[in-house]
PDB file of N, CA and C in Angstrom:
ATOM      1  N   MET A   1       2.545 -15.668  -4.637  1.00  0.00           N
ATOM      2  CA  MET A   1       2.990 -14.303  -4.470  1.00  0.00           C
ATOM      3  C   MET A   1       3.004 -13.621  -5.840  1.00  0.00           C
ATOM      4  N   ALA A   2       2.569 -12.364  -5.864  1.00  0.00           N
ATOM      5  CA  ALA A   2       2.484 -11.630  -7.120  1.00  0.00           C
ATOM      6  C   ALA A   2       3.862 -11.160  -7.566  1.00  0.00           C
ATOM      7  N   SER A   3       4.032 -11.115  -8.866  1.00  0.00           N
ATOM      8  CA  SER A   3       5.309 -10.647  -9.396  1.00  0.00           C
ATOM      9  C   SER A   3       5.364  -9.121  -9.333  1.00  0.00           C
ATOM     10  N   ASN A   4       6.556  -8.586  -9.446  1.00  0.00           N
ATOM     11  CA  ASN A   4       6.740  -7.140  -9.395  1.00  0.00           C
ATOM     12  C   ASN A   4       6.050  -6.442 -10.554  1.00  0.00           C
ATOM     13  N   ALA A   5       6.037  -7.074 -11.713  1.00  0.00           N
ATOM     14  CA  ALA A   5       5.389  -6.481 -12.877  1.00  0.00           C
ATOM     15  C   ALA A   5       3.883  -6.364 -12.656  1.00  0.00           C
ATOM     16  N   PHE A   6       3.291  -7.390 -12.067  1.00  0.00           N
ATOM     17  CA  PHE A   6       1.854  -7.361 -11.810  1.00  0.00           C
ATOM     18  C   PHE A   6       1.502  -6.291 -10.778  1.00  0.00           C
ATOM     19  N   VAL A   7       2.309  -6.202  -9.716  1.00  0.00           N
ATOM     20  CA  VAL A   7       2.062  -5.192  -8.690  1.00  0.00           C
ATOM     21  C   VAL A   7       2.227  -3.792  -9.271  1.00  0.00           C
ATOM     22  N   GLY A   8       3.218  -3.604 -10.119  1.00  0.00           N
ATOM     23  CA  GLY A   8       3.415  -2.310 -10.771  1.00  0.00           C
ATOM     24  C   GLY A   8       2.246  -1.932 -11.654  1.00  0.00           C
ATOM     25  N   LYS A   9       1.735  -2.895 -12.427  1.00  0.00           N
ATOM     26  CA  LYS A   9       0.570  -2.622 -13.271  1.00  0.00           C
ATOM     27  C   LYS A   9      -0.656  -2.319 -12.434  1.00  0.00           C
ATOM     28  N   LEU A  10      -0.812  -3.013 -11.321  1.00  0.00           N
ATOM     29  CA  LEU A  10      -1.942  -2.781 -10.436  1.00  0.00           C
ATOM     30  C   LEU A  10      -1.891  -1.382  -9.832  1.00  0.00           C
ATOM     31  N   ILE A  11      -0.719  -0.978  -9.361  1.00  0.00           N
ATOM     32  CA  ILE A  11      -0.556   0.357  -8.787  1.00  0.00           C
ATOM     33  C   ILE A  11      -0.757   1.431  -9.850  1.00  0.00           C
ATOM     34  N   ALA A  12      -0.207   1.235 -11.045  1.00  0.00           N
ATOM     35  CA  ALA A  12      -0.375   2.200 -12.123  1.00  0.00           C
ATOM     36  C   ALA A  12      -1.845   2.327 -12.521  1.00  0.00           C
ATOM     37  N   SER A  13      -2.563   1.223 -12.565  1.00  0.00           N
ATOM     38  CA  SER A  13      -3.994   1.258 -12.892  1.00  0.00           C
ATOM     39  C   SER A  13      -4.784   1.990 -11.822  1.00  0.00           C
ATOM     40  N   LEU A  14      -4.456   1.750 -10.564  1.00  0.00           N
ATOM     41  CA  LEU A  14      -5.139   2.422  -9.471  1.00  0.00           C
ATOM     42  C   LEU A  14      -4.902   3.928  -9.510  1.00  0.00           C
ATOM     43  N   VAL A  15      -3.664   4.327  -9.705  1.00  0.00           N
ATOM     44  CA  VAL A  15      -3.336   5.751  -9.757  1.00  0.00           C
ATOM     45  C   VAL A  15      -3.995   6.409 -10.966  1.00  0.00           C
ATOM     46  N   LEU A  16      -3.994   5.745 -12.115  1.00  0.00           N
ATOM     47  CA  LEU A  16      -4.632   6.298 -13.300  1.00  0.00           C
ATOM     48  C   LEU A  16      -6.129   6.463 -13.095  1.00  0.00           C
ATOM     49  N   SER A  17      -6.774   5.505 -12.452  1.00  0.00           N
ATOM     50  CA  SER A  17      -8.207   5.625 -12.213  1.00  0.00           C
ATOM     51  C   SER A  17      -8.510   6.763 -11.242  1.00  0.00           C
ATOM     52  N   ILE A  18      -7.672   6.963 -10.228  1.00  0.00           N
ATOM     53  CA  ILE A  18      -7.877   8.071  -9.296  1.00  0.00           C
ATOM     54  C   ILE A  18      -7.690   9.411  -9.997  1.00  0.00           C
ATOM     55  N   VAL A  19      -6.668   9.524 -10.823  1.00  0.00           N
ATOM     56  CA  VAL A  19      -6.413  10.775 -11.558  1.00  0.00           C
ATOM     57  C   VAL A  19      -7.550  11.066 -12.535  1.00  0.00           C
ATOM     58  N   LEU A  20      -8.033  10.070 -13.240  1.00  0.00           N
ATOM     59  CA  LEU A  20      -9.146  10.288 -14.171  1.00  0.00           C
ATOM     60  C   LEU A  20     -10.431  10.672 -13.436  1.00  0.00           C
ATOM     61  N   TYR A  21     -10.702  10.021 -12.307  1.00  0.00           N
ATOM     62  CA  TYR A  21     -11.877  10.376 -11.511  1.00  0.00           C
ATOM     63  C   TYR A  21     -11.798  11.831 -11.077  1.00  0.00           C
ATOM     64  N   TYR A  22     -10.642  12.238 -10.547  1.00  0.00           N
ATOM     65  CA  TYR A  22     -10.470  13.616 -10.088  1.00  0.00           C
ATOM     66  C   TYR A  22     -10.569  14.591 -11.258  1.00  0.00           C
ATOM     67  N   PHE A  23     -10.005  14.243 -12.399  1.00  0.00           N
ATOM     68  CA  PHE A  23     -10.076  15.114 -13.572  1.00  0.00           C
ATOM     69  C   PHE A  23     -11.525  15.352 -13.987  1.00  0.00           C
ATOM     70  N   PHE A  24     -12.314  14.293 -14.084  1.00  0.00           N
ATOM     71  CA  PHE A  24     -13.708  14.469 -14.473  1.00  0.00           C
ATOM     72  C   PHE A  24     -14.507  15.185 -13.393  1.00  0.00           C
ATOM     73  N   TRP A  25     -14.160  14.955 -12.128  1.00  0.00           N
ATOM     74  CA  TRP A  25     -14.869  15.585 -11.035  1.00  0.00           C
ATOM     75  C   TRP A  25     -14.649  17.096 -11.020  1.00  0.00           C
ATOM     76  N   VAL A  26     -13.406  17.541 -11.268  1.00  0.00           N
ATOM     77  CA  VAL A  26     -13.060  18.951 -11.127  1.00  0.00           C
ATOM     78  C   VAL A  26     -13.157  19.716 -12.440  1.00  0.00           C
ATOM     79  N   PHE A  27     -12.751  19.098 -13.555  1.00  0.00           N
ATOM     80  CA  PHE A  27     -12.638  19.839 -14.805  1.00  0.00           C
ATOM     81  C   PHE A  27     -13.767  19.599 -15.792  1.00  0.00           C
ATOM     82  N   VAL A  28     -14.509  18.529 -15.652  1.00  0.00           N
ATOM     83  CA  VAL A  28     -15.558  18.231 -16.626  1.00  0.00           C
ATOM     84  C   VAL A  28     -16.948  18.418 -16.033  1.00  0.00           C
ATOM     85  N   LEU A  29     -17.192  17.867 -14.846  1.00  0.00           N
ATOM     86  CA  LEU A  29     -18.521  17.885 -14.251  1.00  0.00           C
ATOM     87  C   LEU A  29     -19.106  19.286 -14.062  1.00  0.00           C
ATOM     88  N   PRO A  30     -18.340  20.296 -13.619  1.00  0.00           N
ATOM     89  CA  PRO A  30     -18.942  21.624 -13.450  1.00  0.00           C
ATOM     90  C   PRO A  30     -19.419  22.253 -14.760  1.00  0.00           C
ATOM     91  N   PHE A  31     -18.899  21.818 -15.885  1.00  0.00           N
ATOM     92  CA  PHE A  31     -19.263  22.426 -17.161  1.00  0.00           C
ATOM     93  C   PHE A  31     -20.287  21.610 -17.953  1.00  0.00           C
ATOM     94  N   MET A  32     -20.725  20.499 -17.389  1.00  0.00           N
ATOM     95  CA  MET A  32     -21.736  19.688 -18.072  1.00  0.00           C
ATOM     96  C   MET A  32     -23.111  20.314 -17.851  1.00  0.00           C
ATOM     97  N   LEU A  33     -23.880  20.420 -18.908  1.00  0.00           N
ATOM     98  CA  LEU A  33     -25.207  21.018 -18.821  1.00  0.00           C
ATOM     99  C   LEU A  33     -26.239  19.934 -18.544  1.00  0.00           C
ATOM    100  N   ILE A  34     -26.239  19.437 -17.308  1.00  0.00           N
ATOM    101  CA  ILE A  34     -27.201  18.426 -16.890  1.00  0.00           C
ATOM    102  C   ILE A  34     -27.804  18.853 -15.559  1.00  0.00           C
ATOM    103  N   GLU A  35     -28.936  18.269 -15.232  1.00  0.00           N
ATOM    104  CA  GLU A  35     -29.596  18.608 -13.984  1.00  0.00           C
ATOM    105  C   GLU A  35     -28.827  18.040 -12.796  1.00  0.00           C
ATOM    106  N   GLU A  36     -29.077  18.623 -11.623  1.00  0.00           N
ATOM    107  CA  GLU A  36     -28.394  18.176 -10.409  1.00  0.00           C
ATOM    108  C   GLU A  36     -28.837  16.785  -9.978  1.00  0.00           C
ATOM    109  N   ASP A  37     -30.041  16.361 -10.351  1.00  0.00           N
ATOM    110  CA  ASP A  37     -30.539  15.051  -9.913  1.00  0.00           C
ATOM    111  C   ASP A  37     -30.222  13.951 -10.922  1.00  0.00           C
ATOM    112  N   ASN A  38     -29.350  14.216 -11.870  1.00  0.00           N
ATOM    113  CA  ASN A  38     -28.963  13.226 -12.861  1.00  0.00           C
ATOM    114  C   ASN A  38     -28.120  12.135 -12.203  1.00  0.00           C
ATOM    115  N   ILE A  39     -28.111  10.964 -12.802  1.00  0.00           N
ATOM    116  CA  ILE A  39     -27.365   9.818 -12.258  1.00  0.00           C
ATOM    117  C   ILE A  39     -25.861  10.078 -12.235  1.00  0.00           C
ATOM    118  N   ILE A  40     -25.351  10.918 -13.113  1.00  0.00           N
ATOM    119  CA  ILE A  40     -23.912  11.205 -13.168  1.00  0.00           C
ATOM    120  C   ILE A  40     -23.451  11.903 -11.895  1.00  0.00           C
ATOM    121  N   HIS A  41     -24.281  12.804 -11.360  1.00  0.00           N
ATOM    122  CA  HIS A  41     -23.904  13.527 -10.147  1.00  0.00           C
ATOM    123  C   HIS A  41     -23.849  12.614  -8.925  1.00  0.00           C
ATOM    124  N   SER A  42     -24.514  11.480  -8.974  1.00  0.00           N
ATOM    125  CA  SER A  42     -24.485  10.575  -7.821  1.00  0.00           C
ATOM    126  C   SER A  42     -23.139   9.856  -7.689  1.00  0.00           C
ATOM    127  N   PHE A  43     -22.334   9.847  -8.730  1.00  0.00           N
ATOM    128  CA  PHE A  43     -21.021   9.189  -8.678  1.00  0.00           C
ATOM    129  C   PHE A  43     -19.939  10.082  -8.084  1.00  0.00           C
ATOM    130  N   PHE A  44     -20.209  11.363  -7.910  1.00  0.00           N
ATOM    131  CA  PHE A  44     -19.203  12.321  -7.463  1.00  0.00           C
ATOM    132  C   PHE A  44     -19.654  13.006  -6.187  1.00  0.00           C
ATOM    133  N   LEU A  45     -18.685  13.351  -5.347  1.00  0.00           N
ATOM    134  CA  LEU A  45     -18.959  14.145  -4.157  1.00  0.00           C
ATOM    135  C   LEU A  45     -19.260  15.587  -4.565  1.00  0.00           C
ATOM    136  N   PRO A  46     -19.814  16.391  -3.654  1.00  0.00           N
ATOM    137  CA  PRO A  46     -19.991  17.817  -3.973  1.00  0.00           C
ATOM    138  C   PRO A  46     -18.654  18.483  -4.285  1.00  0.00           C
ATOM    139  N   LEU A  47     -18.702  19.510  -5.089  1.00  0.00           N
ATOM    140  CA  LEU A  47     -17.475  20.131  -5.616  1.00  0.00           C
ATOM    141  C   LEU A  47     -16.637  20.798  -4.533  1.00  0.00           C
ATOM    142  N   GLN A  48     -17.231  21.208  -3.415  1.00  0.00           N
ATOM    143  CA  GLN A  48     -16.425  21.863  -2.378  1.00  0.00           C
ATOM    144  C   GLN A  48     -15.411  20.911  -1.753  1.00  0.00           C
ATOM    145  N   TYR A  49     -15.628  19.607  -1.865  1.00  0.00           N
ATOM    146  CA  TYR A  49     -14.651  18.640  -1.359  1.00  0.00           C
ATOM    147  C   TYR A  49     -13.494  18.418  -2.337  1.00  0.00           C
ATOM    148  N   ALA A  50     -13.602  18.904  -3.541  1.00  0.00           N
ATOM    149  CA  ALA A  50     -12.597  18.652  -4.572  1.00  0.00           C
ATOM    150  C   ALA A  50     -11.246  19.261  -4.216  1.00  0.00           C
ATOM    151  N   PHE A  51     -11.247  20.290  -3.404  1.00  0.00           N
ATOM    152  CA  PHE A  51      -9.984  20.908  -3.019  1.00  0.00           C
ATOM    153  C   PHE A  51      -9.659  20.665  -1.555  1.00  0.00           C
ATOM    154  N   ALA A  52     -10.666  20.358  -0.742  1.00  0.00           N
ATOM    155  CA  ALA A  52     -10.426  20.100   0.681  1.00  0.00           C
ATOM    156  C   ALA A  52      -9.744  18.751   0.889  1.00  0.00           C
ATOM    157  N   ILE A  53     -10.151  17.735   0.148  1.00  0.00           N
ATOM    158  CA  ILE A  53      -9.574  16.401   0.316  1.00  0.00           C
ATOM    159  C   ILE A  53      -8.097  16.373  -0.094  1.00  0.00           C
ATOM    160  N   PRO A  54      -7.711  16.882  -1.275  1.00  0.00           N
ATOM    161  CA  PRO A  54      -6.268  16.901  -1.604  1.00  0.00           C
ATOM    162  C   PRO A  54      -5.458  17.787  -0.656  1.00  0.00           C
ATOM    163  N   ALA A  55      -6.052  18.873  -0.156  1.00  0.00           N
ATOM    164  CA  ALA A  55      -5.326  19.719   0.792  1.00  0.00           C
ATOM    165  C   ALA A  55      -5.073  18.968   2.095  1.00  0.00           C
ATOM    166  N   ALA A  56      -6.054  18.209   2.567  1.00  0.00           N
ATOM    167  CA  ALA A  56      -5.870  17.428   3.789  1.00  0.00           C
ATOM    168  C   ALA A  56      -4.801  16.352   3.593  1.00  0.00           C
ATOM    169  N   PHE A  57      -4.818  15.676   2.448  1.00  0.00           N
ATOM    170  CA  PHE A  57      -3.782  14.685   2.170  1.00  0.00           C
ATOM    171  C   PHE A  57      -2.410  15.347   2.078  1.00  0.00           C
ATOM    172  N   GLY A  58      -2.332  16.530   1.510  1.00  0.00           N
ATOM    173  CA  GLY A  58      -1.059  17.242   1.419  1.00  0.00           C
ATOM    174  C   GLY A  58      -0.520  17.635   2.784  1.00  0.00           C
ATOM    175  N   VAL A  59      -1.402  18.108   3.661  1.00  0.00           N
ATOM    176  CA  VAL A  59      -0.978  18.472   5.014  1.00  0.00           C
ATOM    177  C   VAL A  59      -0.490  17.234   5.758  1.00  0.00           C
ATOM    178  N   CYS A  60      -1.206  16.123   5.625  1.00  0.00           N
ATOM    179  CA  CYS A  60      -0.784  14.873   6.277  1.00  0.00           C
ATOM    180  C   CYS A  60       0.551  14.389   5.711  1.00  0.00           C
ATOM    181  N   PHE A  61       0.742  14.514   4.401  1.00  0.00           N
ATOM    182  CA  PHE A  61       1.997  14.090   3.780  1.00  0.00           C
ATOM    183  C   PHE A  61       3.171  14.939   4.257  1.00  0.00           C
ATOM    184  N   VAL A  62       3.008  16.259   4.247  1.00  0.00           N
ATOM    185  CA  VAL A  62       4.093  17.137   4.680  1.00  0.00           C
ATOM    186  C   VAL A  62       4.361  16.955   6.169  1.00  0.00           C
ATOM    187  N   GLY A  63       3.303  16.806   6.971  1.00  0.00           N
ATOM    188  CA  GLY A  63       3.489  16.567   8.396  1.00  0.00           C
ATOM    189  C   GLY A  63       4.193  15.252   8.665  1.00  0.00           C
ATOM    190  N   GLY A  64       3.790  14.198   7.965  1.00  0.00           N
ATOM    191  CA  GLY A  64       4.439  12.904   8.128  1.00  0.00           C
ATOM    192  C   GLY A  64       5.882  12.930   7.687  1.00  0.00           C
ATOM    193  N   LEU A  65       6.153  13.621   6.594  1.00  0.00           N
ATOM    194  CA  LEU A  65       7.528  13.756   6.129  1.00  0.00           C
ATOM    195  C   LEU A  65       8.379  14.530   7.135  1.00  0.00           C
ATOM    196  N   SER A  66       7.809  15.548   7.746  1.00  0.00           N
ATOM    197  CA  SER A  66       8.534  16.316   8.760  1.00  0.00           C
ATOM    198  C   SER A  66       8.821  15.464   9.989  1.00  0.00           C
ATOM    199  N   VAL A  67       7.821  14.707  10.446  1.00  0.00           N
ATOM    200  CA  VAL A  67       8.022  13.840  11.612  1.00  0.00           C
ATOM    201  C   VAL A  67       9.073  12.784  11.307  1.00  0.00           C
ATOM    202  N   PHE A  68       9.021  12.184  10.125  1.00  0.00           N
ATOM    203  CA  PHE A  68      10.003  11.185   9.721  1.00  0.00           C
ATOM    204  C   PHE A  68      11.408  11.776   9.702  1.00  0.00           C
ATOM    205  N   THR A  69      11.544  12.979   9.156  1.00  0.00           N
ATOM    206  CA  THR A  69      12.850  13.622   9.068  1.00  0.00           C
ATOM    207  C   THR A  69      13.388  13.964  10.446  1.00  0.00           C
ATOM    208  N   PHE A  70      12.535  14.568  11.291  1.00  0.00           N
ATOM    209  CA  PHE A  70      12.999  14.922  12.632  1.00  0.00           C
ATOM    210  C   PHE A  70      13.345  13.694  13.461  1.00  0.00           C
ATOM    211  N   TYR A  71      12.636  12.608  13.270  1.00  0.00           N
ATOM    212  CA  TYR A  71      12.933  11.376  13.993  1.00  0.00           C
ATOM    213  C   TYR A  71      14.330  10.862  13.636  1.00  0.00           C
ATOM    214  N   HIS A  72      14.694  10.958  12.373  1.00  0.00           N
ATOM    215  CA  HIS A  72      15.972  10.413  11.930  1.00  0.00           C
ATOM    216  C   HIS A  72      17.156  11.350  12.147  1.00  0.00           C
ATOM    217  N   ILE A  73      16.922  12.646  12.282  1.00  0.00           N
ATOM    218  CA  ILE A  73      18.043  13.566  12.496  1.00  0.00           C
ATOM    219  C   ILE A  73      18.110  14.068  13.934  1.00  0.00           C
ATOM    220  N   TRP A  74      17.243  13.567  14.812  1.00  0.00           N
ATOM    221  CA  TRP A  74      17.177  14.084  16.176  1.00  0.00           C
ATOM    222  C   TRP A  74      18.508  13.934  16.919  1.00  0.00           C
ATOM    223  N   ASP A  75      19.221  12.845  16.696  1.00  0.00           N
ATOM    224  CA  ASP A  75      20.501  12.639  17.384  1.00  0.00           C
ATOM    225  C   ASP A  75      21.584  13.595  16.894  1.00  0.00           C
ATOM    226  N   HIS A  76      21.451  14.130  15.720  1.00  0.00           N
ATOM    227  CA  HIS A  76      22.469  14.983  15.119  1.00  0.00           C
ATOM    228  C   HIS A  76      22.186  16.468  15.299  1.00  0.00           C
ATOM    229  N   VAL A  77      21.079  16.807  15.934  1.00  0.00           N
ATOM    230  CA  VAL A  77      20.692  18.199  16.098  1.00  0.00           C
ATOM    231  C   VAL A  77      20.993  18.628  17.527  1.00  0.00           C
ATOM    232  N   SER A  78      21.675  19.734  17.673  1.00  0.00           N
ATOM    233  CA  SER A  78      21.871  20.306  19.009  1.00  0.00           C
ATOM    234  C   SER A  78      21.356  21.746  18.975  1.00  0.00           C
ATOM    235  N   PHE A  79      20.498  22.052  19.908  1.00  0.00           N
ATOM    236  CA  PHE A  79      19.891  23.379  19.919  1.00  0.00           C
ATOM    237  C   PHE A  79      20.736  24.388  20.686  1.00  0.00           C
ATOM    238  N   PHE A  80      21.590  23.903  21.601  1.00  0.00           N
ATOM    239  CA  PHE A  80      22.408  24.823  22.388  1.00  0.00           C
ATOM    240  C   PHE A  80      23.844  24.418  22.349  1.00  0.00           C
TER     241      PHE A  80
END
């Protein structure tokens, strides 16, 4: 079984790699003066997904948080 320190480092590394990927995808790639058929563009999705994917995750997160909250407070809520 993995120790807590190892799991923490693994999660931190994963999150850092996702943040760096998104940073280069949104803030660096559009300003690079390279052709569209370059090998660098093959590592990234088209730019229109750069805001649709985080928005979808945000909607799912807020919706899940709302469902979780309503599930736990349902017994304490009276509408009438």
